[in-house]
Amino acid sequence: MPTYEYQCSACKHRFEELQSFSEPPLKKCPACKKRKLERLLGAGAAIIFKGSGFYQTDYRSESYKSAAKADVPAAPTEKTGTDAPKAPAATTDTSGSKTKSDGKSPGKNAKS
């Protein structure tokens, strides 16, 4: 149920009232008893979650939780001198001959 804010235009008494959506607005001021009460435009009520159980993972099945744990990647290790990336070396093509790191073979287009 929302909380509505009211103000009396006769005595300027201001108060809040908890009412259902279907209830009609109040007309009579509780302080001066005149029928000059106006319902004010409010900012609206925010949703308040109380208690536990409002996290996305709280309602997951046990199979989902165990699969999520298995998908967690291993923690990265510190890089040492041996872990550093190496410069491109000569690679071997499918025929077994060695090629240069620039991808050209030494026998092709070579002048003799």
N, C-alpha and C. Protein backbone atom coordinates (compact mmCIF):
# COMPACT_ATOMS: atom_id res chain seq x y z
N MET A 1 0.84 -1.18 0.00
CA MET A 1 0.00 0.00 0.00
C MET A 1 0.89 1.25 0.00
N PRO A 2 0.56 2.21 -0.83
CA PRO A 2 1.37 3.42 -0.89
C PRO A 2 1.05 4.41 0.23
N THR A 3 1.99 5.27 0.48
CA THR A 3 1.82 6.35 1.45
C THR A 3 1.56 7.63 0.69
N TYR A 4 0.46 8.30 0.99
CA TYR A 4 0.10 9.55 0.34
C TYR A 4 0.35 10.71 1.29
N GLU A 5 0.72 11.85 0.72
CA GLU A 5 0.96 13.05 1.51
C GLU A 5 -0.20 14.01 1.30
N TYR A 6 -0.71 14.54 2.39
CA TYR A 6 -1.85 15.47 2.37
C TYR A 6 -1.48 16.78 3.04
N GLN A 7 -2.14 17.86 2.61
CA GLN A 7 -1.98 19.17 3.25
C GLN A 7 -3.33 19.88 3.24
N CYS A 8 -3.66 20.46 4.39
CA CYS A 8 -4.90 21.21 4.51
C CYS A 8 -4.65 22.64 4.01
N SER A 9 -5.50 23.12 3.11
CA SER A 9 -5.32 24.48 2.59
C SER A 9 -5.84 25.53 3.58
N ALA A 10 -6.59 25.12 4.60
CA ALA A 10 -7.10 26.07 5.61
C ALA A 10 -6.09 26.29 6.72
N CYS A 11 -5.62 25.21 7.35
CA CYS A 11 -4.72 25.35 8.50
C CYS A 11 -3.27 24.99 8.18
N LYS A 12 -2.97 24.56 6.96
CA LYS A 12 -1.63 24.18 6.49
C LYS A 12 -1.06 22.96 7.22
N HIS A 13 -1.93 22.18 7.86
CA HIS A 13 -1.50 20.93 8.51
C HIS A 13 -1.08 19.95 7.42
N ARG A 14 0.08 19.33 7.60
CA ARG A 14 0.62 18.41 6.59
C ARG A 14 0.89 17.08 7.27
N PHE A 15 0.47 15.98 6.59
CA PHE A 15 0.68 14.64 7.16
C PHE A 15 0.70 13.61 6.04
N GLU A 16 1.09 12.39 6.41
CA GLU A 16 1.12 11.26 5.48
C GLU A 16 0.09 10.25 5.92
N GLU A 17 -0.50 9.56 4.94
CA GLU A 17 -1.52 8.55 5.23
C GLU A 17 -1.26 7.32 4.37
N LEU A 18 -1.28 6.16 5.00
CA LEU A 18 -1.11 4.89 4.30
C LEU A 18 -2.48 4.44 3.81
N GLN A 19 -2.64 4.37 2.46
CA GLN A 19 -3.93 4.03 1.88
C GLN A 19 -3.75 3.04 0.74
N SER A 20 -4.80 2.30 0.48
CA SER A 20 -4.84 1.39 -0.65
C SER A 20 -5.05 2.20 -1.93
N PHE A 21 -4.71 1.62 -3.06
CA PHE A 21 -4.93 2.28 -4.35
C PHE A 21 -6.41 2.52 -4.60
N SER A 22 -7.23 1.61 -4.13
CA SER A 22 -8.66 1.69 -4.42
C SER A 22 -9.41 2.66 -3.50
N GLU A 23 -8.79 3.09 -2.41
CA GLU A 23 -9.46 4.03 -1.50
C GLU A 23 -9.54 5.42 -2.11
N PRO A 24 -10.66 6.13 -1.87
CA PRO A 24 -10.75 7.51 -2.38
C PRO A 24 -9.86 8.44 -1.54
N PRO A 25 -9.41 9.57 -2.12
CA PRO A 25 -8.59 10.50 -1.34
C PRO A 25 -9.35 11.08 -0.15
N LEU A 26 -8.61 11.38 0.92
CA LEU A 26 -9.23 11.98 2.10
C LEU A 26 -9.66 13.41 1.79
N LYS A 27 -10.75 13.87 2.41
CA LYS A 27 -11.27 15.22 2.18
C LYS A 27 -11.25 16.09 3.44
N LYS A 28 -11.37 15.45 4.61
CA LYS A 28 -11.52 16.19 5.86
C LYS A 28 -10.20 16.21 6.63
N CYS A 29 -9.76 17.40 7.03
CA CYS A 29 -8.51 17.57 7.77
C CYS A 29 -8.68 17.03 9.19
N PRO A 30 -7.74 16.20 9.68
CA PRO A 30 -7.85 15.69 11.04
C PRO A 30 -7.54 16.75 12.11
N ALA A 31 -6.87 17.83 11.74
CA ALA A 31 -6.52 18.87 12.72
C ALA A 31 -7.65 19.89 12.90
N CYS A 32 -8.13 20.48 11.80
CA CYS A 32 -9.13 21.55 11.92
C CYS A 32 -10.54 21.08 11.54
N LYS A 33 -10.69 19.86 11.06
CA LYS A 33 -11.96 19.23 10.68
C LYS A 33 -12.66 19.91 9.50
N LYS A 34 -11.96 20.75 8.75
CA LYS A 34 -12.55 21.38 7.58
C LYS A 34 -12.33 20.49 6.37
N ARG A 35 -13.15 20.64 5.36
CA ARG A 35 -13.06 19.84 4.15
C ARG A 35 -12.19 20.54 3.10
N LYS A 36 -10.96 20.90 3.49
CA LYS A 36 -10.04 21.62 2.62
C LYS A 36 -8.74 20.82 2.40
N LEU A 37 -8.82 19.51 2.52
CA LEU A 37 -7.64 18.66 2.41
C LEU A 37 -7.32 18.38 0.95
N GLU A 38 -6.06 18.47 0.61
CA GLU A 38 -5.59 18.18 -0.76
C GLU A 38 -4.50 17.13 -0.70
N ARG A 39 -4.57 16.19 -1.64
CA ARG A 39 -3.52 15.18 -1.74
C ARG A 39 -2.41 15.77 -2.60
N LEU A 40 -1.18 15.72 -2.10
CA LEU A 40 -0.03 16.30 -2.80
C LEU A 40 0.61 15.28 -3.73
N LEU A 41 1.28 15.79 -4.73
CA LEU A 41 2.04 14.91 -5.61
C LEU A 41 3.36 14.58 -4.94
N GLY A 42 3.60 13.33 -4.77
CA GLY A 42 4.82 12.91 -4.10
C GLY A 42 5.81 12.33 -5.09
N ALA A 43 6.98 12.05 -4.58
CA ALA A 43 8.03 11.46 -5.41
C ALA A 43 7.79 9.97 -5.62
N GLY A 44 6.86 9.41 -4.91
CA GLY A 44 6.61 7.98 -5.03
C GLY A 44 7.42 7.20 -4.01
N ALA A 45 7.03 5.99 -3.83
CA ALA A 45 7.70 5.15 -2.84
C ALA A 45 8.73 4.28 -3.51
N ALA A 46 9.81 4.06 -2.84
CA ALA A 46 10.84 3.16 -3.33
C ALA A 46 10.55 1.75 -2.81
N ILE A 47 11.02 0.77 -3.53
CA ILE A 47 10.87 -0.61 -3.08
C ILE A 47 11.95 -0.88 -2.05
N ILE A 48 11.54 -1.41 -0.93
CA ILE A 48 12.49 -1.72 0.14
C ILE A 48 12.52 -3.23 0.32
N PHE A 49 13.70 -3.82 0.12
CA PHE A 49 13.87 -5.25 0.32
C PHE A 49 14.42 -5.45 1.73
N LYS A 50 13.68 -6.18 2.53
CA LYS A 50 14.12 -6.46 3.90
C LYS A 50 14.41 -7.94 4.03
N GLY A 51 15.45 -8.26 4.74
CA GLY A 51 15.79 -9.65 4.99
C GLY A 51 16.76 -10.19 3.95
N SER A 52 17.06 -11.45 4.07
CA SER A 52 17.99 -12.08 3.14
C SER A 52 17.22 -12.73 2.00
N GLY A 53 17.94 -13.10 0.97
CA GLY A 53 17.33 -13.82 -0.14
C GLY A 53 17.02 -12.98 -1.35
N PHE A 54 17.67 -11.84 -1.50
CA PHE A 54 17.38 -10.99 -2.63
C PHE A 54 18.54 -10.90 -3.61
N TYR A 55 19.47 -11.83 -3.54
CA TYR A 55 20.58 -11.83 -4.48
C TYR A 55 20.26 -12.77 -5.63
N GLN A 56 20.83 -12.49 -6.77
CA GLN A 56 20.56 -13.28 -7.97
C GLN A 56 20.92 -14.75 -7.78
N THR A 57 21.97 -15.01 -7.04
CA THR A 57 22.44 -16.38 -6.89
C THR A 57 21.71 -17.15 -5.80
N ASP A 58 20.85 -16.51 -5.03
CA ASP A 58 20.18 -17.20 -3.93
C ASP A 58 19.19 -18.25 -4.39
N TYR A 59 18.63 -18.11 -5.56
CA TYR A 59 17.60 -19.03 -6.03
C TYR A 59 18.11 -19.99 -7.09
N ARG A 60 19.40 -20.08 -7.28
CA ARG A 60 19.96 -20.99 -8.28
C ARG A 60 19.91 -22.43 -7.77
N SER A 61 19.79 -23.37 -8.72
CA SER A 61 19.77 -24.78 -8.34
C SER A 61 21.18 -25.23 -7.98
N GLU A 62 21.27 -26.34 -7.29
CA GLU A 62 22.57 -26.85 -6.87
C GLU A 62 23.41 -27.27 -8.07
N SER A 63 22.77 -27.81 -9.13
CA SER A 63 23.53 -28.21 -10.31
C SER A 63 24.13 -27.00 -11.00
N TYR A 64 23.41 -25.88 -11.02
CA TYR A 64 23.93 -24.65 -11.62
C TYR A 64 25.13 -24.15 -10.82
N LYS A 65 25.02 -24.17 -9.49
CA LYS A 65 26.11 -23.69 -8.64
C LYS A 65 27.37 -24.53 -8.81
N SER A 66 27.21 -25.86 -8.90
CA SER A 66 28.38 -26.72 -9.05
C SER A 66 29.02 -26.55 -10.43
N ALA A 67 28.20 -26.33 -11.47
CA ALA A 67 28.74 -26.09 -12.80
C ALA A 67 29.46 -24.75 -12.86
N ALA A 68 28.95 -23.76 -12.16
CA ALA A 68 29.59 -22.44 -12.13
C ALA A 68 30.95 -22.51 -11.44
N LYS A 69 31.04 -23.32 -10.39
CA LYS A 69 32.31 -23.47 -9.70
C LYS A 69 33.34 -24.16 -10.58
N ALA A 70 32.91 -25.10 -11.41
CA ALA A 70 33.82 -25.83 -12.29
C ALA A 70 34.32 -24.92 -13.42
N ASP A 71 33.55 -23.91 -13.81
CA ASP A 71 33.93 -23.02 -14.90
C ASP A 71 34.86 -21.90 -14.48
N VAL A 72 35.14 -21.76 -13.20
CA VAL A 72 35.99 -20.68 -12.73
C VAL A 72 37.41 -20.94 -13.21
N PRO A 73 38.04 -19.97 -13.92
CA PRO A 73 39.41 -20.19 -14.41
C PRO A 73 40.41 -20.20 -13.26
N ALA A 74 41.56 -20.85 -13.51
CA ALA A 74 42.60 -20.91 -12.50
C ALA A 74 43.18 -19.52 -12.29
N ALA A 75 43.66 -19.27 -11.09
CA ALA A 75 44.23 -17.96 -10.77
C ALA A 75 45.51 -17.76 -11.57
N PRO A 76 45.73 -16.56 -12.11
CA PRO A 76 46.96 -16.32 -12.88
C PRO A 76 48.17 -16.36 -11.98
N THR A 77 49.28 -16.87 -12.53
CA THR A 77 50.51 -16.94 -11.75
C THR A 77 51.39 -15.75 -12.11
N GLU A 78 52.37 -15.50 -11.26
CA GLU A 78 53.27 -14.39 -11.52
C GLU A 78 54.19 -14.75 -12.69
N LYS A 79 54.48 -13.75 -13.54
CA LYS A 79 55.38 -13.99 -14.67
C LYS A 79 56.82 -13.88 -14.19
N THR A 80 57.61 -14.85 -14.59
CA THR A 80 59.03 -14.80 -14.30
C THR A 80 59.76 -14.64 -15.61
N GLY A 81 61.06 -14.64 -15.56
CA GLY A 81 61.86 -14.48 -16.77
C GLY A 81 61.61 -15.59 -17.77
N THR A 82 61.29 -16.79 -17.30
CA THR A 82 61.07 -17.90 -18.22
C THR A 82 59.66 -17.88 -18.80
N ASP A 83 58.73 -17.14 -18.14
CA ASP A 83 57.36 -17.07 -18.64
C ASP A 83 57.18 -15.97 -19.67
N ALA A 84 58.18 -15.12 -19.84
CA ALA A 84 58.05 -13.98 -20.75
C ALA A 84 57.90 -14.49 -22.18
N PRO A 85 57.15 -13.77 -23.01
CA PRO A 85 57.00 -14.20 -24.41
C PRO A 85 58.34 -14.21 -25.12
N LYS A 86 58.51 -15.16 -25.99
CA LYS A 86 59.77 -15.32 -26.70
C LYS A 86 59.66 -14.71 -28.08
N ALA A 87 60.79 -14.32 -28.63
CA ALA A 87 60.83 -13.77 -29.99
C ALA A 87 60.49 -14.88 -30.98
N PRO A 88 59.87 -14.54 -32.11
CA PRO A 88 59.53 -15.59 -33.08
C PRO A 88 60.79 -16.29 -33.58
N ALA A 89 60.76 -17.57 -33.54
CA ALA A 89 61.90 -18.37 -33.98
C ALA A 89 61.57 -18.99 -35.32
N ALA A 90 62.53 -19.67 -35.87
CA ALA A 90 62.31 -20.36 -37.15
C ALA A 90 61.27 -21.44 -36.93
N THR A 91 60.34 -21.54 -37.86
CA THR A 91 59.28 -22.53 -37.73
C THR A 91 59.47 -23.61 -38.78
N THR A 92 58.86 -24.73 -38.55
CA THR A 92 58.96 -25.85 -39.48
C THR A 92 57.66 -25.95 -40.24
N ASP A 93 57.72 -26.00 -41.57
CA ASP A 93 56.50 -26.16 -42.34
C ASP A 93 56.16 -27.64 -42.43
N THR A 94 55.10 -27.98 -43.13
CA THR A 94 54.64 -29.37 -43.18
C THR A 94 55.59 -30.27 -43.92
N SER A 95 56.45 -29.73 -44.78
CA SER A 95 57.38 -30.58 -45.51
C SER A 95 58.62 -30.91 -44.70
N GLY A 96 58.77 -30.24 -43.56
CA GLY A 96 59.88 -30.55 -42.68
C GLY A 96 61.06 -29.62 -42.87
N SER A 97 61.03 -28.72 -43.86
CA SER A 97 62.14 -27.80 -44.05
C SER A 97 61.96 -26.58 -43.16
N LYS A 98 63.07 -25.98 -42.78
CA LYS A 98 63.02 -24.82 -41.90
C LYS A 98 62.74 -23.57 -42.72
N THR A 99 61.93 -22.66 -42.13
CA THR A 99 61.64 -21.39 -42.78
C THR A 99 62.07 -20.28 -41.85
N LYS A 100 62.23 -19.07 -42.41
CA LYS A 100 62.58 -17.92 -41.60
C LYS A 100 61.35 -17.43 -40.86
N SER A 101 61.58 -16.62 -39.87
CA SER A 101 60.46 -16.12 -39.07
C SER A 101 59.58 -15.17 -39.86
N ASP A 102 60.06 -14.62 -41.01
CA ASP A 102 59.23 -13.73 -41.80
C ASP A 102 58.29 -14.49 -42.72
N GLY A 103 58.33 -15.82 -42.69
CA GLY A 103 57.42 -16.63 -43.45
C GLY A 103 57.90 -16.99 -44.85
N LYS A 104 59.07 -16.51 -45.27
CA LYS A 104 59.60 -16.83 -46.60
C LYS A 104 60.55 -18.01 -46.49
N SER A 105 60.49 -18.87 -47.45
CA SER A 105 61.42 -19.98 -47.42
C SER A 105 62.69 -19.57 -48.11
N PRO A 106 63.84 -20.09 -47.70
CA PRO A 106 65.12 -19.64 -48.26
C PRO A 106 65.33 -20.07 -49.71
N GLY A 107 64.66 -21.08 -50.19
CA GLY A 107 64.90 -21.58 -51.54
C GLY A 107 64.11 -20.86 -52.61
N LYS A 108 63.03 -20.23 -52.28
CA LYS A 108 62.17 -19.60 -53.27
C LYS A 108 62.67 -18.18 -53.59
N ASN A 109 62.60 -17.82 -54.85
CA ASN A 109 62.96 -16.47 -55.33
C ASN A 109 64.38 -16.05 -54.93
N ALA A 110 65.25 -17.01 -54.72
CA ALA A 110 66.63 -16.69 -54.37
C ALA A 110 67.46 -16.64 -55.63
N LYS A 111 68.32 -15.65 -55.74
CA LYS A 111 69.19 -15.53 -56.91
C LYS A 111 70.44 -16.32 -56.65
N SER A 112 70.90 -17.07 -57.70
CA SER A 112 72.09 -17.87 -57.55
C SER A 112 73.25 -17.25 -58.27
